[in-house]
Amino acid sequence: MPKNKITRRDFLNGTQIAITAGLATQIISPWADIFGSEPNFALPDDYYPPSKTGLRGSHDGSWEIMHARVTGQKWSVPTHEEEYDLVVVGAGISGLSAAYFYRQKKPDAKILILDNHDDFGGHAKRNEFDFNGETRITYGGTEAIDTPSSYPPEAIQLFNELGIELKEFYTAFEQDLYSQRGMGMSIVFDKKQFGKTQHVTGYGEKSWQVFANEAPLSEQARKDFIRVHTAKVDYMPNTPVEEKFETLSKTGYSSFLRNYCKVDEQVIQIYQHWGMSFWCVDMEEVPTTAVQYYDGGIPGVDYTLPIRSGRGDDPYIFHFPDGNAS
């Protein structure tokens, strides 16, 4: 836990003065042009973004002015004589860290952090909700500290200064929660794409041939599925490594399976939505260079694209109940 006792709610309540006094005079003009009235920056007493519901990404009020700017609208530049030692644009983890490091070098520095959202933390958002009179928390954005073994010394030092003890996760996180209960990876095949709805368990545990035989696949798809999982094939032979990376960084994984691995469309459909929970787009939008680091059992890349990163094999356990918002 962080060493200081300032809660997220205390911090947000404390920003009301700065928001009202420091920023209002600078953005009244574009705000009024977009919304048709002058803004009211007085925040209610119950102002606390993590408790809000609904879609909380780029919420209303965070995007309108930028959209107007992109479409050509212009405003006069306001005069503001206040001076700062540092202005940080973006109150995400990187922006907050920049301000933190700067303050370490210059303890008396006057720092202004700007963000167009009503909460700080960027993608590291927190959700709170009431359930039967009890407050429950979860992550509303980034979930985990991913592969900290590959982090530079500066990042590890930041963890230490914030009171984040990475070693504690190895005992606090129940890593065998699912395996102890006989649970593992599986695939639900849908009727539209595969002719019948069927739940097949044991993905990555059974042999690929056994799994393929249990799945509702065509004969060709079954052969191709087994091939891309077992054959040690370079699907871009005689192509220089740098050219491979250049090409596959612009090639969606679905296209890689189709155009290079030459698999049946049913195999492509198996993986089409494989990374939705991670990338939030289907695999046509995810470059093939990204999937070689993904631990979800995605085939076909290992012998085509050599691993270039020093990425460690840390377990995916480094996260708080509210994700990186902590």
C-alpha atoms as a PDB file:
ATOM      1  CA  MET A   1       0.000   0.000   0.000  1.00  0.00           C
ATOM      2  CA  PRO A   2       1.193   3.595  -0.595  1.00  0.00           C
ATOM      3  CA  LYS A   3       2.996   5.055   2.385  1.00  0.00           C
ATOM      4  CA  ASN A   4       0.965   8.273   2.479  1.00  0.00           C
ATOM      5  CA  LYS A   5      -2.574   8.427   3.832  1.00  0.00           C
ATOM      6  CA  ILE A   6      -4.147  10.573   1.111  1.00  0.00           C
ATOM      7  CA  THR A   7      -7.064   8.690  -0.400  1.00  0.00           C
ATOM      8  CA  ARG A   8      -8.194   8.955  -3.991  1.00  0.00           C
ATOM      9  CA  ARG A   9     -11.399  10.634  -2.815  1.00  0.00           C
ATOM     10  CA  ASP A  10      -9.418  13.217  -0.782  1.00  0.00           C
ATOM     11  CA  PHE A  11      -7.232  13.975  -3.774  1.00  0.00           C
ATOM     12  CA  LEU A  12     -10.176  14.453  -6.117  1.00  0.00           C
ATOM     13  CA  ASN A  13     -11.983  16.681  -3.653  1.00  0.00           C
ATOM     14  CA  GLY A  14      -8.837  18.762  -3.300  1.00  0.00           C
ATOM     15  CA  THR A  15      -8.623  19.383  -7.027  1.00  0.00           C
ATOM     16  CA  GLN A  16     -11.858  21.357  -7.052  1.00  0.00           C
ATOM     17  CA  ILE A  17     -10.113  24.600  -6.060  1.00  0.00           C
ATOM     18  CA  ALA A  18      -7.473  24.227  -8.751  1.00  0.00           C
ATOM     19  CA  ILE A  19     -10.008  23.357 -11.425  1.00  0.00           C
ATOM     20  CA  THR A  20     -12.268  26.263 -10.563  1.00  0.00           C
ATOM     21  CA  ALA A  21      -9.635  28.957 -10.048  1.00  0.00           C
ATOM     22  CA  GLY A  22      -6.827  27.895 -12.333  1.00  0.00           C
ATOM     23  CA  LEU A  23      -8.411  26.662 -15.542  1.00  0.00           C
ATOM     24  CA  ALA A  24     -11.858  28.169 -15.944  1.00  0.00           C
ATOM     25  CA  THR A  25     -10.768  31.543 -17.310  1.00  0.00           C
ATOM     26  CA  GLN A  26      -8.593  29.878 -19.928  1.00  0.00           C
ATOM     27  CA  ILE A  27     -11.179  27.636 -21.572  1.00  0.00           C
ATOM     28  CA  ILE A  28     -14.455  29.519 -21.182  1.00  0.00           C
ATOM     29  CA  SER A  29     -14.379  30.756 -24.772  1.00  0.00           C
ATOM     30  CA  PRO A  30     -14.088  27.390 -26.603  1.00  0.00           C
ATOM     31  CA  TRP A  31     -16.386  25.721 -24.079  1.00  0.00           C
ATOM     32  CA  ALA A  32     -19.128  28.281 -24.661  1.00  0.00           C
ATOM     33  CA  ASP A  33     -18.715  27.945 -28.424  1.00  0.00           C
ATOM     34  CA  ILE A  34     -19.185  24.187 -28.250  1.00  0.00           C
ATOM     35  CA  PHE A  35     -21.831  23.849 -25.546  1.00  0.00           C
ATOM     36  CA  GLY A  36     -23.661  27.149 -26.066  1.00  0.00           C
ATOM     37  CA  SER A  37     -23.153  28.398 -22.513  1.00  0.00           C
ATOM     38  CA  GLU A  38     -20.385  29.283 -20.136  1.00  0.00           C
ATOM     39  CA  PRO A  39     -19.076  26.326 -18.141  1.00  0.00           C
ATOM     40  CA  ASN A  40     -19.884  25.677 -14.527  1.00  0.00           C
ATOM     41  CA  PHE A  41     -16.733  24.353 -12.908  1.00  0.00           C
ATOM     42  CA  ALA A  42     -18.161  24.207  -9.401  1.00  0.00           C
ATOM     43  CA  LEU A  43     -18.110  20.525  -8.565  1.00  0.00           C
ATOM     44  CA  PRO A  44     -20.814  18.924  -6.409  1.00  0.00           C
ATOM     45  CA  ASP A  45     -19.978  17.624  -2.962  1.00  0.00           C
ATOM     46  CA  ASP A  46     -20.387  14.038  -4.147  1.00  0.00           C
ATOM     47  CA  TYR A  47     -17.954  14.509  -7.048  1.00  0.00           C
ATOM     48  CA  TYR A  48     -16.167  11.162  -7.326  1.00  0.00           C
ATOM     49  CA  PRO A  49     -15.672   9.708 -10.834  1.00  0.00           C
ATOM     50  CA  PRO A  50     -14.946   6.085  -9.743  1.00  0.00           C
ATOM     51  CA  SER A  51     -18.509   5.807  -8.448  1.00  0.00           C
ATOM     52  CA  LYS A  52     -20.047   6.838 -11.768  1.00  0.00           C
ATOM     53  CA  THR A  53     -21.616   4.194 -13.986  1.00  0.00           C
ATOM     54  CA  GLY A  54     -21.974   3.798 -17.736  1.00  0.00           C
ATOM     55  CA  LEU A  55     -19.226   4.058 -20.340  1.00  0.00           C
ATOM     56  CA  ARG A  56     -16.386   5.929 -18.673  1.00  0.00           C
ATOM     57  CA  GLY A  57     -13.691   6.097 -21.341  1.00  0.00           C
ATOM     58  CA  SER A  58     -13.760   9.442 -23.139  1.00  0.00           C
ATOM     59  CA  HIS A  59     -16.872  10.619 -21.333  1.00  0.00           C
ATOM     60  CA  ASP A  60     -19.003  13.580 -22.413  1.00  0.00           C
ATOM     61  CA  GLY A  61     -17.081  16.751 -21.756  1.00  0.00           C
ATOM     62  CA  SER A  62     -13.695  15.220 -22.534  1.00  0.00           C
ATOM     63  CA  TRP A  63     -13.783  15.124 -26.322  1.00  0.00           C
ATOM     64  CA  GLU A  64     -16.049  17.848 -27.733  1.00  0.00           C
ATOM     65  CA  ILE A  65     -13.516  20.688 -27.867  1.00  0.00           C
ATOM     66  CA  MET A  66     -10.854  18.548 -29.519  1.00  0.00           C
ATOM     67  CA  HIS A  67     -13.337  17.310 -32.115  1.00  0.00           C
ATOM     68  CA  ALA A  68     -14.265  20.912 -32.874  1.00  0.00           C
ATOM     69  CA  ARG A  69     -10.584  21.785 -33.230  1.00  0.00           C
ATOM     70  CA  VAL A  70      -9.997  18.915 -35.636  1.00  0.00           C
ATOM     71  CA  THR A  71     -12.912  20.041 -37.807  1.00  0.00           C
ATOM     72  CA  GLY A  72     -11.414  23.512 -38.130  1.00  0.00           C
ATOM     73  CA  GLN A  73     -12.899  25.591 -35.336  1.00  0.00           C
ATOM     74  CA  LYS A  74     -10.516  28.157 -33.842  1.00  0.00           C
ATOM     75  CA  TRP A  75     -10.480  30.407 -30.795  1.00  0.00           C
ATOM     76  CA  SER A  76      -8.459  33.356 -29.653  1.00  0.00           C
ATOM     77  CA  VAL A  77      -5.499  32.535 -27.435  1.00  0.00           C
ATOM     78  CA  PRO A  78      -6.238  33.675 -23.874  1.00  0.00           C
ATOM     79  CA  THR A  79      -3.642  35.559 -21.878  1.00  0.00           C
ATOM     80  CA  HIS A  80      -2.613  34.009 -18.618  1.00  0.00           C
ATOM     81  CA  GLU A  81       0.298  35.377 -16.635  1.00  0.00           C
ATOM     82  CA  GLU A  82       0.736  32.590 -14.098  1.00  0.00           C
ATOM     83  CA  GLU A  83       4.042  30.732 -14.452  1.00  0.00           C
ATOM     84  CA  TYR A  84       4.916  27.113 -13.823  1.00  0.00           C
ATOM     85  CA  ASP A  85       8.219  25.268 -13.665  1.00  0.00           C
ATOM     86  CA  LEU A  86       6.673  22.305 -15.450  1.00  0.00           C
ATOM     87  CA  VAL A  87       3.465  21.729 -17.393  1.00  0.00           C
ATOM     88  CA  VAL A  88       2.487  18.096 -17.906  1.00  0.00           C
ATOM     89  CA  VAL A  89      -0.152  17.283 -20.517  1.00  0.00           C
ATOM     90  CA  GLY A  90      -1.938  14.110 -19.484  1.00  0.00           C
ATOM     91  CA  ALA A  91      -2.596  12.907 -15.940  1.00  0.00           C
ATOM     92  CA  GLY A  92      -2.055   9.235 -16.666  1.00  0.00           C
ATOM     93  CA  ILE A  93       0.608   7.099 -15.004  1.00  0.00           C
ATOM     94  CA  SER A  94       3.344   8.539 -17.239  1.00  0.00           C
ATOM     95  CA  GLY A  95       2.294  12.141 -16.642  1.00  0.00           C
ATOM     96  CA  LEU A  96       1.976  11.685 -12.896  1.00  0.00           C
ATOM     97  CA  SER A  97       5.357   9.941 -12.812  1.00  0.00           C
ATOM     98  CA  ALA A  98       6.964  12.788 -14.754  1.00  0.00           C
ATOM     99  CA  ALA A  99       5.665  15.286 -12.205  1.00  0.00           C
ATOM    100  CA  TYR A 100       6.820  13.042  -9.360  1.00  0.00           C
ATOM    101  CA  PHE A 101      10.364  12.711 -10.720  1.00  0.00           C
ATOM    102  CA  TYR A 102      10.575  16.429 -11.444  1.00  0.00           C
ATOM    103  CA  ARG A 103       9.484  17.249  -7.910  1.00  0.00           C
ATOM    104  CA  GLN A 104      12.240  14.995  -6.584  1.00  0.00           C
ATOM    105  CA  LYS A 105      14.822  17.067  -8.456  1.00  0.00           C
ATOM    106  CA  LYS A 106      13.183  20.379  -7.593  1.00  0.00           C
ATOM    107  CA  PRO A 107      11.158  20.067  -4.364  1.00  0.00           C
ATOM    108  CA  ASP A 108       9.835  23.626  -4.626  1.00  0.00           C
ATOM    109  CA  ALA A 109       8.777  23.329  -8.259  1.00  0.00           C
ATOM    110  CA  LYS A 110       5.357  24.597  -9.258  1.00  0.00           C
ATOM    111  CA  ILE A 111       3.808  21.961 -11.504  1.00  0.00           C
ATOM    112  CA  LEU A 112       0.600  22.083 -13.543  1.00  0.00           C
ATOM    113  CA  ILE A 113      -0.893  18.798 -14.753  1.00  0.00           C
ATOM    114  CA  LEU A 114      -3.566  19.080 -17.449  1.00  0.00           C
ATOM    115  CA  ASP A 115      -6.069  16.432 -18.453  1.00  0.00           C
ATOM    116  CA  ASN A 116      -9.322  16.521 -20.385  1.00  0.00           C
ATOM    117  CA  HIS A 117     -10.982  13.835 -18.253  1.00  0.00           C
ATOM    118  CA  ASP A 118     -12.666  14.178 -14.888  1.00  0.00           C
ATOM    119  CA  ASP A 119     -10.376  11.659 -13.195  1.00  0.00           C
ATOM    120  CA  PHE A 120      -6.624  11.156 -13.043  1.00  0.00           C
ATOM    121  CA  GLY A 121      -4.782   7.961 -13.900  1.00  0.00           C
ATOM    122  CA  GLY A 122      -5.427   7.799 -17.636  1.00  0.00           C
ATOM    123  CA  HIS A 123      -6.216   4.193 -18.579  1.00  0.00           C
ATOM    124  CA  ALA A 124      -5.730   3.151 -14.955  1.00  0.00           C
ATOM    125  CA  LYS A 125      -9.249   3.886 -13.795  1.00  0.00           C
ATOM    126  CA  ARG A 126     -11.091   2.560 -10.786  1.00  0.00           C
ATOM    127  CA  ASN A 127     -14.741   1.530 -10.446  1.00  0.00           C
ATOM    128  CA  GLU A 128     -16.643   1.511  -7.169  1.00  0.00           C
ATOM    129  CA  PHE A 129     -20.219   0.375  -6.691  1.00  0.00           C
ATOM    130  CA  ASP A 130     -22.606  -0.512  -3.925  1.00  0.00           C
ATOM    131  CA  PHE A 131     -23.773  -4.106  -3.553  1.00  0.00           C
ATOM    132  CA  ASN A 132     -26.217  -4.887  -0.759  1.00  0.00           C
ATOM    133  CA  GLY A 133     -24.927  -1.960   1.246  1.00  0.00           C
ATOM    134  CA  GLU A 134     -21.263  -2.863   0.795  1.00  0.00           C
ATOM    135  CA  THR A 135     -18.743  -1.012  -1.354  1.00  0.00           C
ATOM    136  CA  ARG A 136     -17.102  -3.188  -4.002  1.00  0.00           C
ATOM    137  CA  ILE A 137     -14.147  -2.068  -6.093  1.00  0.00           C
ATOM    138  CA  THR A 138     -12.730  -3.277  -9.372  1.00  0.00           C
ATOM    139  CA  TYR A 139     -10.599  -1.987 -12.195  1.00  0.00           C
ATOM    140  CA  GLY A 140     -12.144   0.213 -14.857  1.00  0.00           C
ATOM    141  CA  GLY A 141      -9.065   0.209 -17.060  1.00  0.00           C
ATOM    142  CA  THR A 142      -5.588  -1.324 -16.999  1.00  0.00           C
ATOM    143  CA  GLU A 143      -5.495  -4.377 -14.783  1.00  0.00           C
ATOM    144  CA  ALA A 144      -1.908  -5.284 -14.001  1.00  0.00           C
ATOM    145  CA  ILE A 145       1.758  -4.432 -13.751  1.00  0.00           C
ATOM    146  CA  ASP A 146       2.857  -6.509 -16.722  1.00  0.00           C
ATOM    147  CA  THR A 147       6.211  -8.333 -16.614  1.00  0.00           C
ATOM    148  CA  PRO A 148       8.014  -6.128 -14.062  1.00  0.00           C
ATOM    149  CA  SER A 149      11.212  -8.180 -14.422  1.00  0.00           C
ATOM    150  CA  SER A 150      11.847  -6.308 -17.677  1.00  0.00           C
ATOM    151  CA  TYR A 151      11.330  -2.848 -16.141  1.00  0.00           C
ATOM    152  CA  PRO A 152      14.273  -0.419 -15.886  1.00  0.00           C
ATOM    153  CA  PRO A 153      15.773   0.398 -12.456  1.00  0.00           C
ATOM    154  CA  GLU A 154      13.968   3.755 -12.371  1.00  0.00           C
ATOM    155  CA  ALA A 155      10.559   2.066 -12.550  1.00  0.00           C
ATOM    156  CA  ILE A 156      11.446  -0.467  -9.857  1.00  0.00           C
ATOM    157  CA  GLN A 157      12.686   2.364  -7.644  1.00  0.00           C
ATOM    158  CA  LEU A 158       9.367   4.149  -8.159  1.00  0.00           C
ATOM    159  CA  PHE A 159       7.532   1.028  -6.981  1.00  0.00           C
ATOM    160  CA  ASN A 160       9.703   0.922  -3.877  1.00  0.00           C
ATOM    161  CA  GLU A 161       9.090   4.577  -3.092  1.00  0.00           C
ATOM    162  CA  LEU A 162       5.334   4.127  -3.479  1.00  0.00           C
ATOM    163  CA  GLY A 163       5.372   1.124  -1.168  1.00  0.00           C
ATOM    164  CA  ILE A 164       4.544  -1.452  -3.848  1.00  0.00           C
ATOM    165  CA  GLU A 165       6.278  -4.692  -2.860  1.00  0.00           C
ATOM    166  CA  LEU A 166       6.226  -6.929  -5.915  1.00  0.00           C
ATOM    167  CA  LYS A 167       7.402 -10.012  -4.034  1.00  0.00           C
ATOM    168  CA  GLU A 168       4.233  -9.960  -1.947  1.00  0.00           C
ATOM    169  CA  PHE A 169       2.119 -10.856  -4.974  1.00  0.00           C
ATOM    170  CA  TYR A 170       3.703 -14.310  -5.203  1.00  0.00           C
ATOM    171  CA  THR A 171       2.019 -15.342  -1.949  1.00  0.00           C
ATOM    172  CA  ALA A 172      -0.997 -13.015  -1.990  1.00  0.00           C
ATOM    173  CA  PHE A 173      -2.190 -14.117  -5.438  1.00  0.00           C
ATOM    174  CA  GLU A 174      -3.757 -17.574  -5.653  1.00  0.00           C
ATOM    175  CA  GLN A 175      -1.989 -18.731  -8.796  1.00  0.00           C
ATOM    176  CA  ASP A 176      -3.523 -22.207  -8.823  1.00  0.00           C
ATOM    177  CA  LEU A 177      -7.095 -20.998  -8.276  1.00  0.00           C
ATOM    178  CA  TYR A 178      -8.381 -22.528 -11.521  1.00  0.00           C
ATOM    179  CA  SER A 179      -6.134 -25.555 -11.890  1.00  0.00           C
ATOM    180  CA  GLN A 180      -7.024 -26.788  -8.388  1.00  0.00           C
ATOM    181  CA  ARG A 181     -10.650 -26.776  -9.445  1.00  0.00           C
ATOM    182  CA  GLY A 182     -10.021 -28.688 -12.632  1.00  0.00           C
ATOM    183  CA  MET A 183     -10.526 -25.613 -14.782  1.00  0.00           C
ATOM    184  CA  GLY A 184      -8.525 -24.535 -17.810  1.00  0.00           C
ATOM    185  CA  MET A 185      -8.773 -22.997 -21.256  1.00  0.00           C
ATOM    186  CA  SER A 186     -11.594 -23.970 -23.580  1.00  0.00           C
ATOM    187  CA  ILE A 187     -13.333 -22.762 -26.731  1.00  0.00           C
ATOM    188  CA  VAL A 188     -17.038 -22.378 -27.426  1.00  0.00           C
ATOM    189  CA  PHE A 189     -17.644 -23.025 -31.122  1.00  0.00           C
ATOM    190  CA  ASP A 190     -20.746 -21.283 -32.450  1.00  0.00           C
ATOM    191  CA  LYS A 191     -23.303 -22.695 -34.854  1.00  0.00           C
ATOM    192  CA  LYS A 192     -23.012 -19.852 -37.373  1.00  0.00           C
ATOM    193  CA  GLN A 193     -19.310 -20.382 -38.055  1.00  0.00           C
ATOM    194  CA  PHE A 194     -18.887 -24.072 -37.272  1.00  0.00           C
ATOM    195  CA  GLY A 195     -22.270 -25.678 -37.967  1.00  0.00           C
ATOM    196  CA  LYS A 196     -23.066 -26.452 -34.336  1.00  0.00           C
ATOM    197  CA  THR A 197     -22.628 -24.931 -30.912  1.00  0.00           C
ATOM    198  CA  GLN A 198     -20.130 -26.947 -28.909  1.00  0.00           C
ATOM    199  CA  HIS A 199     -17.941 -26.331 -25.867  1.00  0.00           C
ATOM    200  CA  VAL A 200     -14.559 -28.052 -26.165  1.00  0.00           C
ATOM    201  CA  THR A 201     -12.303 -28.117 -23.109  1.00  0.00           C
ATOM    202  CA  GLY A 202      -8.599 -28.774 -22.700  1.00  0.00           C
ATOM    203  CA  TYR A 203      -7.161 -26.171 -25.078  1.00  0.00           C
ATOM    204  CA  GLY A 204      -3.388 -26.263 -24.600  1.00  0.00           C
ATOM    205  CA  GLU A 205      -3.621 -29.288 -22.297  1.00  0.00           C
ATOM    206  CA  LYS A 206      -4.786 -32.041 -24.633  1.00  0.00           C
ATOM    207  CA  SER A 207      -2.710 -32.827 -27.691  1.00  0.00           C
ATOM    208  CA  TRP A 208      -3.631 -30.586 -30.606  1.00  0.00           C
ATOM    209  CA  GLN A 209      -4.814 -33.601 -32.576  1.00  0.00           C
ATOM    210  CA  VAL A 210      -7.161 -34.725 -29.793  1.00  0.00           C
ATOM    211  CA  PHE A 211      -8.532 -31.221 -29.355  1.00  0.00           C
ATOM    212  CA  ALA A 212      -9.043 -30.813 -33.106  1.00  0.00           C
ATOM    213  CA  ASN A 213     -10.823 -34.167 -33.357  1.00  0.00           C
ATOM    214  CA  GLU A 214     -13.274 -33.116 -30.635  1.00  0.00           C
ATOM    215  CA  ALA A 215     -13.978 -29.745 -32.258  1.00  0.00           C
ATOM    216  CA  PRO A 216     -16.712 -29.262 -34.913  1.00  0.00           C
ATOM    217  CA  LEU A 217     -14.228 -28.519 -37.701  1.00  0.00           C
ATOM    218  CA  SER A 218     -14.188 -29.471 -41.357  1.00  0.00           C
ATOM    219  CA  GLU A 219     -11.589 -32.010 -42.393  1.00  0.00           C
ATOM    220  CA  GLN A 220      -9.394 -29.337 -43.981  1.00  0.00           C
ATOM    221  CA  ALA A 221      -9.713 -27.004 -41.001  1.00  0.00           C
ATOM    222  CA  ARG A 222      -8.781 -29.845 -38.663  1.00  0.00           C
ATOM    223  CA  LYS A 223      -5.617 -30.586 -40.636  1.00  0.00           C
ATOM    224  CA  ASP A 224      -4.662 -26.907 -40.808  1.00  0.00           C
ATOM    225  CA  PHE A 225      -5.316 -26.389 -37.092  1.00  0.00           C
ATOM    226  CA  ILE A 226      -2.982 -29.239 -36.185  1.00  0.00           C
ATOM    227  CA  ARG A 227      -0.363 -28.044 -38.675  1.00  0.00           C
ATOM    228  CA  VAL A 228      -0.050 -24.465 -37.429  1.00  0.00           C
ATOM    229  CA  HIS A 229       0.235 -25.735 -33.866  1.00  0.00           C
ATOM    230  CA  THR A 230       2.769 -28.496 -34.437  1.00  0.00           C
ATOM    231  CA  ALA A 231       4.741 -27.893 -37.645  1.00  0.00           C
ATOM    232  CA  LYS A 232       8.060 -26.097 -37.239  1.00  0.00           C
ATOM    233  CA  VAL A 233       7.538 -23.968 -40.329  1.00  0.00           C
ATOM    234  CA  ASP A 234       8.849 -20.585 -41.362  1.00  0.00           C
ATOM    235  CA  TYR A 235       5.926 -19.177 -43.342  1.00  0.00           C
ATOM    236  CA  MET A 236       8.124 -16.435 -44.824  1.00  0.00           C
ATOM    237  CA  PRO A 237      11.163 -18.424 -45.988  1.00  0.00           C
ATOM    238  CA  ASN A 238      14.125 -16.644 -47.538  1.00  0.00           C
ATOM    239  CA  THR A 239      12.883 -13.315 -46.186  1.00  0.00           C
ATOM    240  CA  PRO A 240      15.344 -11.226 -44.135  1.00  0.00           C
ATOM    241  CA  VAL A 241      14.370 -10.839 -40.494  1.00  0.00           C
ATOM    242  CA  GLU A 242      14.113  -7.050 -40.693  1.00  0.00           C
ATOM    243  CA  GLU A 243      11.798  -7.339 -43.677  1.00  0.00           C
ATOM    244  CA  LYS A 244       9.652  -9.835 -41.769  1.00  0.00           C
ATOM    245  CA  PHE A 245       9.213  -7.415 -38.903  1.00  0.00           C
ATOM    246  CA  GLU A 246       8.481  -4.553 -41.261  1.00  0.00           C
ATOM    247  CA  THR A 247       5.841  -6.571 -43.119  1.00  0.00           C
ATOM    248  CA  LEU A 248       4.203  -8.277 -40.162  1.00  0.00           C
ATOM    249  CA  SER A 249       4.020  -5.085 -38.125  1.00  0.00           C
ATOM    250  CA  LYS A 250       1.521  -3.962 -40.777  1.00  0.00           C
ATOM    251  CA  THR A 251      -0.203  -7.320 -41.226  1.00  0.00           C
ATOM    252  CA  GLY A 252      -3.133  -8.298 -39.027  1.00  0.00           C
ATOM    253  CA  TYR A 253      -2.894 -11.749 -37.479  1.00  0.00           C
ATOM    254  CA  SER A 254      -5.971 -12.966 -39.354  1.00  0.00           C
ATOM    255  CA  SER A 255      -4.345 -11.957 -42.641  1.00  0.00           C
ATOM    256  CA  PHE A 256      -1.152 -13.715 -41.583  1.00  0.00           C
ATOM    257  CA  LEU A 257      -3.062 -16.953 -41.032  1.00  0.00           C
ATOM    258  CA  ARG A 258      -4.908 -16.559 -44.324  1.00  0.00           C
ATOM    259  CA  ASN A 259      -2.157 -15.323 -46.642  1.00  0.00           C
ATOM    260  CA  TYR A 260       0.986 -16.858 -45.179  1.00  0.00           C
ATOM    261  CA  CYS A 261      -0.094 -19.938 -43.215  1.00  0.00           C
ATOM    262  CA  LYS A 262      -2.771 -20.718 -45.825  1.00  0.00           C
ATOM    263  CA  VAL A 263      -5.249 -22.121 -43.325  1.00  0.00           C
ATOM    264  CA  ASP A 264      -8.944 -22.817 -43.715  1.00  0.00           C
ATOM    265  CA  GLU A 265     -11.301 -19.973 -42.812  1.00  0.00           C
ATOM    266  CA  GLN A 266     -12.615 -21.944 -39.845  1.00  0.00           C
ATOM    267  CA  VAL A 267      -9.164 -21.789 -38.237  1.00  0.00           C
ATOM    268  CA  ILE A 268      -9.143 -18.031 -38.725  1.00  0.00           C
ATOM    269  CA  GLN A 269     -12.558 -17.817 -37.083  1.00  0.00           C
ATOM    270  CA  ILE A 270     -11.277 -19.670 -34.018  1.00  0.00           C
ATOM    271  CA  TYR A 271      -8.829 -16.843 -33.343  1.00  0.00           C
ATOM    272  CA  GLN A 272     -10.730 -13.908 -34.830  1.00  0.00           C
ATOM    273  CA  HIS A 273     -11.890 -12.635 -31.426  1.00  0.00           C
ATOM    274  CA  TRP A 274      -9.129 -14.239 -29.378  1.00  0.00           C
ATOM    275  CA  GLY A 275      -7.656 -10.999 -28.110  1.00  0.00           C
ATOM    276  CA  MET A 276     -10.791  -8.925 -27.548  1.00  0.00           C
ATOM    277  CA  SER A 277     -10.309  -8.901 -23.778  1.00  0.00           C
ATOM    278  CA  PHE A 278      -6.700  -7.752 -24.205  1.00  0.00           C
ATOM    279  CA  TRP A 279      -6.610  -5.498 -27.279  1.00  0.00           C
ATOM    280  CA  CYS A 280     -10.356  -4.739 -27.558  1.00  0.00           C
ATOM    281  CA  VAL A 281     -10.307  -5.316 -31.326  1.00  0.00           C
ATOM    282  CA  ASP A 282     -10.472  -8.439 -33.442  1.00  0.00           C
ATOM    283  CA  MET A 283      -7.338 -10.115 -34.741  1.00  0.00           C
ATOM    284  CA  GLU A 284      -7.466  -8.443 -38.144  1.00  0.00           C
ATOM    285  CA  GLU A 285      -6.562  -5.232 -36.320  1.00  0.00           C
ATOM    286  CA  VAL A 286      -3.787  -6.745 -34.182  1.00  0.00           C
ATOM    287  CA  PRO A 287      -0.390  -6.799 -35.933  1.00  0.00           C
ATOM    288  CA  THR A 288       1.249 -10.198 -36.126  1.00  0.00           C
ATOM    289  CA  THR A 289       4.338  -8.829 -34.390  1.00  0.00           C
ATOM    290  CA  ALA A 290       2.217  -8.337 -31.264  1.00  0.00           C
ATOM    291  CA  VAL A 291       0.886 -11.868 -30.911  1.00  0.00           C
ATOM    292  CA  GLN A 292       4.288 -13.478 -30.399  1.00  0.00           C
ATOM    293  CA  TYR A 293       4.255 -12.003 -26.885  1.00  0.00           C
ATOM    294  CA  TYR A 294       0.667 -12.997 -26.142  1.00  0.00           C
ATOM    295  CA  ASP A 295       0.313 -15.976 -23.817  1.00  0.00           C
ATOM    296  CA  GLY A 296      -3.084 -17.117 -25.010  1.00  0.00           C
ATOM    297  CA  GLY A 297      -1.916 -19.988 -27.199  1.00  0.00           C
ATOM    298  CA  ILE A 298      -1.858 -18.274 -30.611  1.00  0.00           C
ATOM    299  CA  PRO A 299      -0.126 -20.417 -33.253  1.00  0.00           C
ATOM    300  CA  GLY A 300       1.900 -20.015 -36.428  1.00  0.00           C
ATOM    301  CA  VAL A 301       4.361 -17.278 -35.504  1.00  0.00           C
ATOM    302  CA  ASP A 302       7.129 -18.922 -33.475  1.00  0.00           C
ATOM    303  CA  TYR A 303       9.210 -20.245 -36.358  1.00  0.00           C
ATOM    304  CA  THR A 304       8.495 -17.329 -38.667  1.00  0.00           C
ATOM    305  CA  LEU A 305       9.272 -14.417 -36.390  1.00  0.00           C
ATOM    306  CA  PRO A 306      12.108 -14.756 -33.854  1.00  0.00           C
ATOM    307  CA  ILE A 307      11.565 -13.288 -30.402  1.00  0.00           C
ATOM    308  CA  ARG A 308      13.556 -10.064 -30.193  1.00  0.00           C
ATOM    309  CA  SER A 309      12.575  -8.764 -26.778  1.00  0.00           C
ATOM    310  CA  GLY A 310      14.060  -9.535 -23.399  1.00  0.00           C
ATOM    311  CA  ARG A 311      10.546  -9.883 -22.031  1.00  0.00           C
ATOM    312  CA  GLY A 312      10.505 -12.077 -18.957  1.00  0.00           C
ATOM    313  CA  ASP A 313       8.210 -14.948 -18.125  1.00  0.00           C
ATOM    314  CA  ASP A 314       6.678 -13.377 -15.022  1.00  0.00           C
ATOM    315  CA  PRO A 315       3.291 -14.769 -13.992  1.00  0.00           C
ATOM    316  CA  TYR A 316       0.335 -12.467 -14.575  1.00  0.00           C
ATOM    317  CA  ILE A 317      -0.244 -11.795 -10.893  1.00  0.00           C
ATOM    318  CA  PHE A 318       0.832  -8.218 -10.236  1.00  0.00           C
ATOM    319  CA  HIS A 319      -2.445  -6.407  -9.842  1.00  0.00           C
ATOM    320  CA  PHE A 320      -4.490  -4.819  -7.104  1.00  0.00           C
ATOM    321  CA  PRO A 321      -8.274  -5.205  -6.717  1.00  0.00           C
ATOM    322  CA  ASP A 322      -8.702  -1.927  -8.619  1.00  0.00           C
ATOM    323  CA  GLY A 323      -5.936  -2.635 -11.115  1.00  0.00           C
ATOM    324  CA  ASN A 324      -3.298   0.011 -11.706  1.00  0.00           C
ATOM    325  CA  ALA A 325      -5.483   2.729 -10.213  1.00  0.00           C
ATOM    326  CA  SER A 326      -3.798   1.965  -6.880  1.00  0.00           C
END
